[in-house]
């Protein structure tokens, strides 16, 4: 049960964190995909359902990181 909750939360947080650090949401997504792929390769992911939940979470994280970037951009434009 914990694996499924972690798969739902952690990849999206990782995508948003990496996107915030690198300033590019696609780079954050690629770094997270690399980490998840390494965990699948090492055998930490047991089922296909877990991989699907990871993918869904990464997609949500990418969506939210794009929204954060666009909102920060609009705030900066309004200040000028």
PDB file of N, CA and C in Angstrom:
ATOM      1  N   UNK A   1       0.819  -1.189   0.000  1.00  0.00           N
ATOM      2  CA  UNK A   1       0.000   0.000   0.000  1.00  0.00           C
ATOM      3  C   UNK A   1       0.871   1.265   0.000  1.00  0.00           C
ATOM      4  N   UNK A   2       1.960   1.233   0.784  1.00  0.00           N
ATOM      5  CA  UNK A   2       2.838   2.397   0.847  1.00  0.00           C
ATOM      6  C   UNK A   2       3.493   2.672  -0.498  1.00  0.00           C
ATOM      7  N   UNK A   3       3.827   1.611  -1.231  1.00  0.00           N
ATOM      8  CA  UNK A   3       4.464   1.801  -2.539  1.00  0.00           C
ATOM      9  C   UNK A   3       3.551   2.561  -3.492  1.00  0.00           C
ATOM     10  N   UNK A   4       2.264   2.269  -3.440  1.00  0.00           N
ATOM     11  CA  UNK A   4       1.325   2.923  -4.346  1.00  0.00           C
ATOM     12  C   UNK A   4       1.110   4.389  -3.965  1.00  0.00           C
ATOM     13  N   UNK A   5       1.068   4.671  -2.678  1.00  0.00           N
ATOM     14  CA  UNK A   5       0.942   6.070  -2.251  1.00  0.00           C
ATOM     15  C   UNK A   5       2.214   6.850  -2.580  1.00  0.00           C
ATOM     16  N   UNK A   6       3.359   6.215  -2.387  1.00  0.00           N
ATOM     17  CA  UNK A   6       4.619   6.872  -2.731  1.00  0.00           C
ATOM     18  C   UNK A   6       4.721   7.102  -4.235  1.00  0.00           C
ATOM     19  N   UNK A   7       4.263   6.131  -5.023  1.00  0.00           N
ATOM     20  CA  UNK A   7       4.293   6.276  -6.482  1.00  0.00           C
ATOM     21  C   UNK A   7       3.355   7.374  -6.951  1.00  0.00           C
ATOM     22  N   UNK A   8       2.335   7.654  -6.181  1.00  0.00           N
ATOM     23  CA  UNK A   8       1.397   8.709  -6.550  1.00  0.00           C
ATOM     24  C   UNK A   8       1.932  10.095  -6.201  1.00  0.00           C
ATOM     25  N   UNK A   9       2.763  10.191  -5.171  1.00  0.00           N
ATOM     26  CA  UNK A   9       3.218  11.504  -4.692  1.00  0.00           C
ATOM     27  C   UNK A   9       4.630  11.871  -5.127  1.00  0.00           C
ATOM     28  N   UNK A  10       5.578  10.980  -4.900  1.00  0.00           N
ATOM     29  CA  UNK A  10       6.984  11.338  -5.056  1.00  0.00           C
ATOM     30  C   UNK A  10       7.413  11.708  -6.471  1.00  0.00           C
ATOM     31  N   UNK A  11       6.988  11.005  -7.516  1.00  0.00           N
ATOM     32  CA  UNK A  11       7.444  11.427  -8.855  1.00  0.00           C
ATOM     33  C   UNK A  11       6.980  12.835  -9.240  1.00  0.00           C
ATOM     34  N   UNK A  12       5.775  13.201  -8.860  1.00  0.00           N
ATOM     35  CA  UNK A  12       5.320  14.554  -9.200  1.00  0.00           C
ATOM     36  C   UNK A  12       6.110  15.608  -8.434  1.00  0.00           C
ATOM     37  N   UNK A  13       6.434  15.319  -7.178  1.00  0.00           N
ATOM     38  CA  UNK A  13       7.237  16.252  -6.387  1.00  0.00           C
ATOM     39  C   UNK A  13       8.647  16.351  -6.973  1.00  0.00           C
ATOM     40  N   UNK A  14       9.201  15.227  -7.404  1.00  0.00           N
ATOM     41  CA  UNK A  14      10.528  15.246  -8.019  1.00  0.00           C
ATOM     42  C   UNK A  14      10.546  16.062  -9.306  1.00  0.00           C
ATOM     43  N   UNK A  15       9.523  15.896 -10.133  1.00  0.00           N
ATOM     44  CA  UNK A  15       9.453  16.669 -11.377  1.00  0.00           C
ATOM     45  C   UNK A  15       9.384  18.158 -11.069  1.00  0.00           C
ATOM     46  N   UNK A  16       8.556  18.538 -10.100  1.00  0.00           N
ATOM     47  CA  UNK A  16       8.452  19.954  -9.764  1.00  0.00           C
ATOM     48  C   UNK A  16       9.749  20.482  -9.148  1.00  0.00           C
ATOM     49  N   UNK A  17      10.407  19.681  -8.321  1.00  0.00           N
ATOM     50  CA  UNK A  17      11.672  20.100  -7.724  1.00  0.00           C
ATOM     51  C   UNK A  17      12.754  20.272  -8.779  1.00  0.00           C
ATOM     52  N   UNK A  18      12.920  19.285  -9.643  1.00  0.00           N
ATOM     53  CA  UNK A  18      13.933  19.379 -10.691  1.00  0.00           C
ATOM     54  C   UNK A  18      13.617  20.503 -11.675  1.00  0.00           C
ATOM     55  N   UNK A  19      12.345  20.722 -11.946  1.00  0.00           N
ATOM     56  CA  UNK A  19      11.956  21.817 -12.846  1.00  0.00           C
ATOM     57  C   UNK A  19      12.276  23.163 -12.230  1.00  0.00           C
ATOM     58  N   UNK A  20      12.093  23.254 -10.944  1.00  0.00           N
ATOM     59  CA  UNK A  20      12.379  24.498 -10.246  1.00  0.00           C
ATOM     60  C   UNK A  20      13.882  24.773 -10.217  1.00  0.00           C
ATOM     61  N   UNK A  21      14.672  23.725 -10.050  1.00  0.00           N
ATOM     62  CA  UNK A  21      16.120  23.884  -9.971  1.00  0.00           C
ATOM     63  C   UNK A  21      16.721  24.193 -11.341  1.00  0.00           C
ATOM     64  N   UNK A  22      16.241  23.507 -12.385  1.00  0.00           N
ATOM     65  CA  UNK A  22      16.827  23.682 -13.714  1.00  0.00           C
ATOM     66  C   UNK A  22      16.135  24.755 -14.543  1.00  0.00           C
ATOM     67  N   UNK A  23      14.995  25.252 -14.100  1.00  0.00           N
ATOM     68  CA  UNK A  23      14.194  26.266 -14.799  1.00  0.00           C
ATOM     69  C   UNK A  23      13.536  25.751 -16.078  1.00  0.00           C
ATOM     70  N   UNK A  24      13.608  24.459 -16.338  1.00  0.00           N
ATOM     71  CA  UNK A  24      12.979  23.872 -17.522  1.00  0.00           C
ATOM     72  C   UNK A  24      12.173  22.644 -17.107  1.00  0.00           C
ATOM     73  N   UNK A  25      10.849  22.671 -17.287  1.00  0.00           N
ATOM     74  CA  UNK A  25      10.028  21.531 -16.880  1.00  0.00           C
ATOM     75  C   UNK A  25      10.380  20.233 -17.609  1.00  0.00           C
ATOM     76  N   UNK A  26      10.786  20.307 -18.856  1.00  0.00           N
ATOM     77  CA  UNK A  26      11.094  19.085 -19.595  1.00  0.00           C
ATOM     78  C   UNK A  26      12.348  18.418 -19.034  1.00  0.00           C
ATOM     79  N   UNK A  27      13.313  19.220 -18.570  1.00  0.00           N
ATOM     80  CA  UNK A  27      14.522  18.656 -17.964  1.00  0.00           C
ATOM     81  C   UNK A  27      14.156  17.971 -16.648  1.00  0.00           C
ATOM     82  N   UNK A  28      13.282  18.576 -15.877  1.00  0.00           N
ATOM     83  CA  UNK A  28      12.806  17.949 -14.639  1.00  0.00           C
ATOM     84  C   UNK A  28      12.108  16.637 -14.903  1.00  0.00           C
ATOM     85  N   UNK A  29      11.308  16.607 -15.968  1.00  0.00           N
ATOM     86  CA  UNK A  29      10.627  15.369 -16.333  1.00  0.00           C
ATOM     87  C   UNK A  29      11.616  14.303 -16.773  1.00  0.00           C
ATOM     88  N   UNK A  30      12.588  14.680 -17.568  1.00  0.00           N
ATOM     89  CA  UNK A  30      13.578  13.703 -18.050  1.00  0.00           C
ATOM     90  C   UNK A  30      14.431  13.145 -16.911  1.00  0.00           C
ATOM     91  N   UNK A  31      14.815  13.993 -15.977  1.00  0.00           N
ATOM     92  CA  UNK A  31      15.583  13.512 -14.831  1.00  0.00           C
ATOM     93  C   UNK A  31      14.769  12.536 -13.978  1.00  0.00           C
ATOM     94  N   UNK A  32      13.498  12.834 -13.802  1.00  0.00           N
ATOM     95  CA  UNK A  32      12.643  11.935 -13.027  1.00  0.00           C
ATOM     96  C   UNK A  32      12.418  10.625 -13.766  1.00  0.00           C
ATOM     97  N   UNK A  33      12.237  10.676 -15.072  1.00  0.00           N
ATOM     98  CA  UNK A  33      12.094   9.448 -15.856  1.00  0.00           C
ATOM     99  C   UNK A  33      13.352   8.592 -15.733  1.00  0.00           C
ATOM    100  N   UNK A  34      14.514   9.236 -15.742  1.00  0.00           N
ATOM    101  CA  UNK A  34      15.762   8.487 -15.586  1.00  0.00           C
ATOM    102  C   UNK A  34      15.827   7.807 -14.220  1.00  0.00           C
ATOM    103  N   UNK A  35      15.418   8.513 -13.162  1.00  0.00           N
ATOM    104  CA  UNK A  35      15.425   7.908 -11.830  1.00  0.00           C
ATOM    105  C   UNK A  35      14.443   6.752 -11.713  1.00  0.00           C
ATOM    106  N   UNK A  36      13.249   6.920 -12.259  1.00  0.00           N
ATOM    107  CA  UNK A  36      12.243   5.856 -12.205  1.00  0.00           C
ATOM    108  C   UNK A  36      12.692   4.673 -13.052  1.00  0.00           C
ATOM    109  N   UNK A  37      13.291   4.942 -14.197  1.00  0.00           N
ATOM    110  CA  UNK A  37      13.797   3.856 -15.047  1.00  0.00           C
ATOM    111  C   UNK A  37      14.891   3.067 -14.340  1.00  0.00           C
ATOM    112  N   UNK A  38      15.747   3.748 -13.620  1.00  0.00           N
ATOM    113  CA  UNK A  38      16.799   3.054 -12.871  1.00  0.00           C
ATOM    114  C   UNK A  38      16.201   2.184 -11.768  1.00  0.00           C
ATOM    115  N   UNK A  39      15.159   2.676 -11.120  1.00  0.00           N
ATOM    116  CA  UNK A  39      14.535   1.859 -10.075  1.00  0.00           C
ATOM    117  C   UNK A  39      13.815   0.648 -10.661  1.00  0.00           C
ATOM    118  N   UNK A  40      13.232   0.794 -11.837  1.00  0.00           N
ATOM    119  CA  UNK A  40      12.601  -0.346 -12.503  1.00  0.00           C
ATOM    120  C   UNK A  40      13.661  -1.357 -12.920  1.00  0.00           C
ATOM    121  N   UNK A  41      14.766  -0.866 -13.430  1.00  0.00           N
ATOM    122  CA  UNK A  41      15.862  -1.743 -13.855  1.00  0.00           C
ATOM    123  C   UNK A  41      16.443  -2.532 -12.680  1.00  0.00           C
ATOM    124  N   UNK A  42      16.562  -1.867 -11.526  1.00  0.00           N
ATOM    125  CA  UNK A  42      17.108  -2.524 -10.345  1.00  0.00           C
ATOM    126  C   UNK A  42      16.105  -3.477  -9.690  1.00  0.00           C
ATOM    127  N   UNK A  43      14.843  -3.426 -10.085  1.00  0.00           N
ATOM    128  CA  UNK A  43      13.848  -4.353  -9.572  1.00  0.00           C
ATOM    129  C   UNK A  43      13.041  -3.860  -8.390  1.00  0.00           C
ATOM    130  N   UNK A  44      13.074  -2.551  -8.119  1.00  0.00           N
ATOM    131  CA  UNK A  44      12.311  -2.012  -7.007  1.00  0.00           C
ATOM    132  C   UNK A  44      10.829  -1.852  -7.338  1.00  0.00           C
ATOM    133  N   UNK A  45      10.494  -1.862  -8.594  1.00  0.00           N
ATOM    134  CA  UNK A  45       9.104  -1.750  -9.018  1.00  0.00           C
ATOM    135  C   UNK A  45       8.586  -3.142  -9.347  1.00  0.00           C
ATOM    136  N   UNK A  46       7.519  -3.544  -8.660  1.00  0.00           N
ATOM    137  CA  UNK A  46       7.050  -4.918  -8.752  1.00  0.00           C
ATOM    138  C   UNK A  46       6.052  -5.154  -9.884  1.00  0.00           C
ATOM    139  N   UNK A  47       5.118  -4.241 -10.065  1.00  0.00           N
ATOM    140  CA  UNK A  47       4.005  -4.493 -10.980  1.00  0.00           C
ATOM    141  C   UNK A  47       3.903  -3.404 -12.040  1.00  0.00           C
ATOM    142  N   UNK A  48       3.144  -3.723 -13.063  1.00  0.00           N
ATOM    143  CA  UNK A  48       2.886  -2.746 -14.113  1.00  0.00           C
ATOM    144  C   UNK A  48       1.986  -1.619 -13.610  1.00  0.00           C
ATOM    145  N   UNK A  49       1.128  -1.929 -12.662  1.00  0.00           N
ATOM    146  CA  UNK A  49       0.265  -0.899 -12.097  1.00  0.00           C
ATOM    147  C   UNK A  49       1.093   0.186 -11.413  1.00  0.00           C
ATOM    148  N   UNK A  50       2.148  -0.213 -10.759  1.00  0.00           N
ATOM    149  CA  UNK A  50       3.033   0.751 -10.115  1.00  0.00           C
ATOM    150  C   UNK A  50       3.712   1.653 -11.143  1.00  0.00           C
ATOM    151  N   UNK A  51       4.095   1.096 -12.278  1.00  0.00           N
ATOM    152  CA  UNK A  51       4.700   1.890 -13.350  1.00  0.00           C
ATOM    153  C   UNK A  51       3.690   2.869 -13.932  1.00  0.00           C
ATOM    154  N   UNK A  52       2.452   2.434 -14.077  1.00  0.00           N
ATOM    155  CA  UNK A  52       1.400   3.310 -14.593  1.00  0.00           C
ATOM    156  C   UNK A  52       1.131   4.455 -13.628  1.00  0.00           C
ATOM    157  N   UNK A  53       1.106   4.165 -12.323  1.00  0.00           N
ATOM    158  CA  UNK A  53       0.890   5.212 -11.324  1.00  0.00           C
ATOM    159  C   UNK A  53       2.056   6.189 -11.330  1.00  0.00           C
ATOM    160  N   UNK A  54       3.285   5.678 -11.464  1.00  0.00           N
ATOM    161  CA  UNK A  54       4.459   6.560 -11.581  1.00  0.00           C
ATOM    162  C   UNK A  54       4.332   7.485 -12.786  1.00  0.00           C
ATOM    163  N   UNK A  55       3.917   6.929 -13.902  1.00  0.00           N
ATOM    164  CA  UNK A  55       3.772   7.730 -15.129  1.00  0.00           C
ATOM    165  C   UNK A  55       2.703   8.804 -14.966  1.00  0.00           C
ATOM    166  N   UNK A  56       1.600   8.432 -14.360  1.00  0.00           N
ATOM    167  CA  UNK A  56       0.522   9.396 -14.112  1.00  0.00           C
ATOM    168  C   UNK A  56       1.006  10.521 -13.203  1.00  0.00           C
ATOM    169  N   UNK A  57       1.741  10.166 -12.169  1.00  0.00           N
ATOM    170  CA  UNK A  57       2.252  11.162 -11.238  1.00  0.00           C
ATOM    171  C   UNK A  57       3.263  12.090 -11.909  1.00  0.00           C
ATOM    172  N   UNK A  58       4.120  11.537 -12.761  1.00  0.00           N
ATOM    173  CA  UNK A  58       5.079  12.378 -13.476  1.00  0.00           C
ATOM    174  C   UNK A  58       4.368  13.336 -14.420  1.00  0.00           C
ATOM    175  N   UNK A  59       3.304  12.876 -15.050  1.00  0.00           N
ATOM    176  CA  UNK A  59       2.520  13.734 -15.941  1.00  0.00           C
ATOM    177  C   UNK A  59       1.888  14.884 -15.161  1.00  0.00           C
ATOM    178  N   UNK A  60       1.342  14.574 -13.991  1.00  0.00           N
ATOM    179  CA  UNK A  60       0.768  15.635 -13.153  1.00  0.00           C
ATOM    180  C   UNK A  60       1.840  16.625 -12.699  1.00  0.00           C
ATOM    181  N   UNK A  61       2.996  16.108 -12.335  1.00  0.00           N
ATOM    182  CA  UNK A  61       4.091  16.980 -11.914  1.00  0.00           C
ATOM    183  C   UNK A  61       4.545  17.894 -13.037  1.00  0.00           C
ATOM    184  N   UNK A  62       4.607  17.359 -14.246  1.00  0.00           N
ATOM    185  CA  UNK A  62       4.977  18.180 -15.408  1.00  0.00           C
ATOM    186  C   UNK A  62       3.933  19.262 -15.655  1.00  0.00           C
ATOM    187  N   UNK A  63       2.663  18.888 -15.561  1.00  0.00           N
ATOM    188  CA  UNK A  63       1.583  19.852 -15.754  1.00  0.00           C
ATOM    189  C   UNK A  63       1.672  20.973 -14.724  1.00  0.00           C
ATOM    190  N   UNK A  64       1.858  20.615 -13.454  1.00  0.00           N
ATOM    191  CA  UNK A  64       1.928  21.626 -12.401  1.00  0.00           C
ATOM    192  C   UNK A  64       3.183  22.487 -12.510  1.00  0.00           C
ATOM    193  N   UNK A  65       4.296  21.896 -12.929  1.00  0.00           N
ATOM    194  CA  UNK A  65       5.509  22.703 -13.074  1.00  0.00           C
ATOM    195  C   UNK A  65       5.378  23.687 -14.233  1.00  0.00           C
ATOM    196  N   UNK A  66       4.686  23.291 -15.298  1.00  0.00           N
ATOM    197  CA  UNK A  66       4.421  24.237 -16.398  1.00  0.00           C
ATOM    198  C   UNK A  66       3.519  25.369 -15.929  1.00  0.00           C
ATOM    199  N   UNK A  67       2.510  25.033 -15.141  1.00  0.00           N
ATOM    200  CA  UNK A  67       1.610  26.054 -14.612  1.00  0.00           C
ATOM    201  C   UNK A  67       2.356  27.020 -13.692  1.00  0.00           C
ATOM    202  N   UNK A  68       3.243  26.479 -12.856  1.00  0.00           N
ATOM    203  CA  UNK A  68       4.027  27.342 -11.965  1.00  0.00           C
ATOM    204  C   UNK A  68       4.914  28.280 -12.768  1.00  0.00           C
ATOM    205  N   UNK A  69       5.523  27.771 -13.817  1.00  0.00           N
ATOM    206  CA  UNK A  69       6.404  28.594 -14.642  1.00  0.00           C
ATOM    207  C   UNK A  69       5.609  29.693 -15.346  1.00  0.00           C
ATOM    208  N   UNK A  70       4.438  29.340 -15.878  1.00  0.00           N
ATOM    209  CA  UNK A  70       3.610  30.342 -16.566  1.00  0.00           C
ATOM    210  C   UNK A  70       3.088  31.396 -15.600  1.00  0.00           C
ATOM    211  N   UNK A  71       2.701  30.985 -14.397  1.00  0.00           N
ATOM    212  CA  UNK A  71       2.197  31.968 -13.432  1.00  0.00           C
ATOM    213  C   UNK A  71       3.317  32.884 -12.947  1.00  0.00           C
ATOM    214  N   UNK A  72       4.513  32.338 -12.771  1.00  0.00           N
ATOM    215  CA  UNK A  72       5.644  33.186 -12.375  1.00  0.00           C
ATOM    216  C   UNK A  72       5.991  34.156 -13.491  1.00  0.00           C
ATOM    217  N   UNK A  73       5.876  33.713 -14.714  1.00  0.00           N
ATOM    218  CA  UNK A  73       6.171  34.576 -15.863  1.00  0.00           C
ATOM    219  C   UNK A  73       5.154  35.716 -15.944  1.00  0.00           C
ATOM    220  N   UNK A  74       3.883  35.403 -15.718  1.00  0.00           N
ATOM    221  CA  UNK A  74       2.854  36.456 -15.797  1.00  0.00           C
ATOM    222  C   UNK A  74       2.985  37.435 -14.647  1.00  0.00           C
ATOM    223  N   UNK A  75       3.397  36.971 -13.476  1.00  0.00           N
ATOM    224  CA  UNK A  75       3.601  37.879 -12.347  1.00  0.00           C
ATOM    225  C   UNK A  75       4.752  38.824 -12.650  1.00  0.00           C
ATOM    226  N   UNK A  76       5.820  38.304 -13.241  1.00  0.00           N
ATOM    227  CA  UNK A  76       6.960  39.150 -13.590  1.00  0.00           C
ATOM    228  C   UNK A  76       6.597  40.169 -14.659  1.00  0.00           C
ATOM    229  N   UNK A  77       5.755  39.791 -15.607  1.00  0.00           N
ATOM    230  CA  UNK A  77       5.336  40.719 -16.657  1.00  0.00           C
ATOM    231  C   UNK A  77       4.438  41.812 -16.093  1.00  0.00           C
ATOM    232  N   UNK A  78       3.614  41.459 -15.110  1.00  0.00           N
ATOM    233  CA  UNK A  78       2.722  42.463 -14.507  1.00  0.00           C
ATOM    234  C   UNK A  78       3.484  43.455 -13.654  1.00  0.00           C
ATOM    235  N   UNK A  79       4.613  43.070 -13.088  1.00  0.00           N
ATOM    236  CA  UNK A  79       5.407  43.978 -12.276  1.00  0.00           C
ATOM    237  C   UNK A  79       6.102  45.040 -13.119  1.00  0.00           C
ATOM    238  N   UNK A  80       6.398  44.699 -14.353  1.00  0.00           N
ATOM    239  CA  UNK A  80       7.150  45.630 -15.205  1.00  0.00           C
ATOM    240  C   UNK A  80       6.258  46.620 -15.816  1.00  0.00           C
TER     241      UNK A  80
END
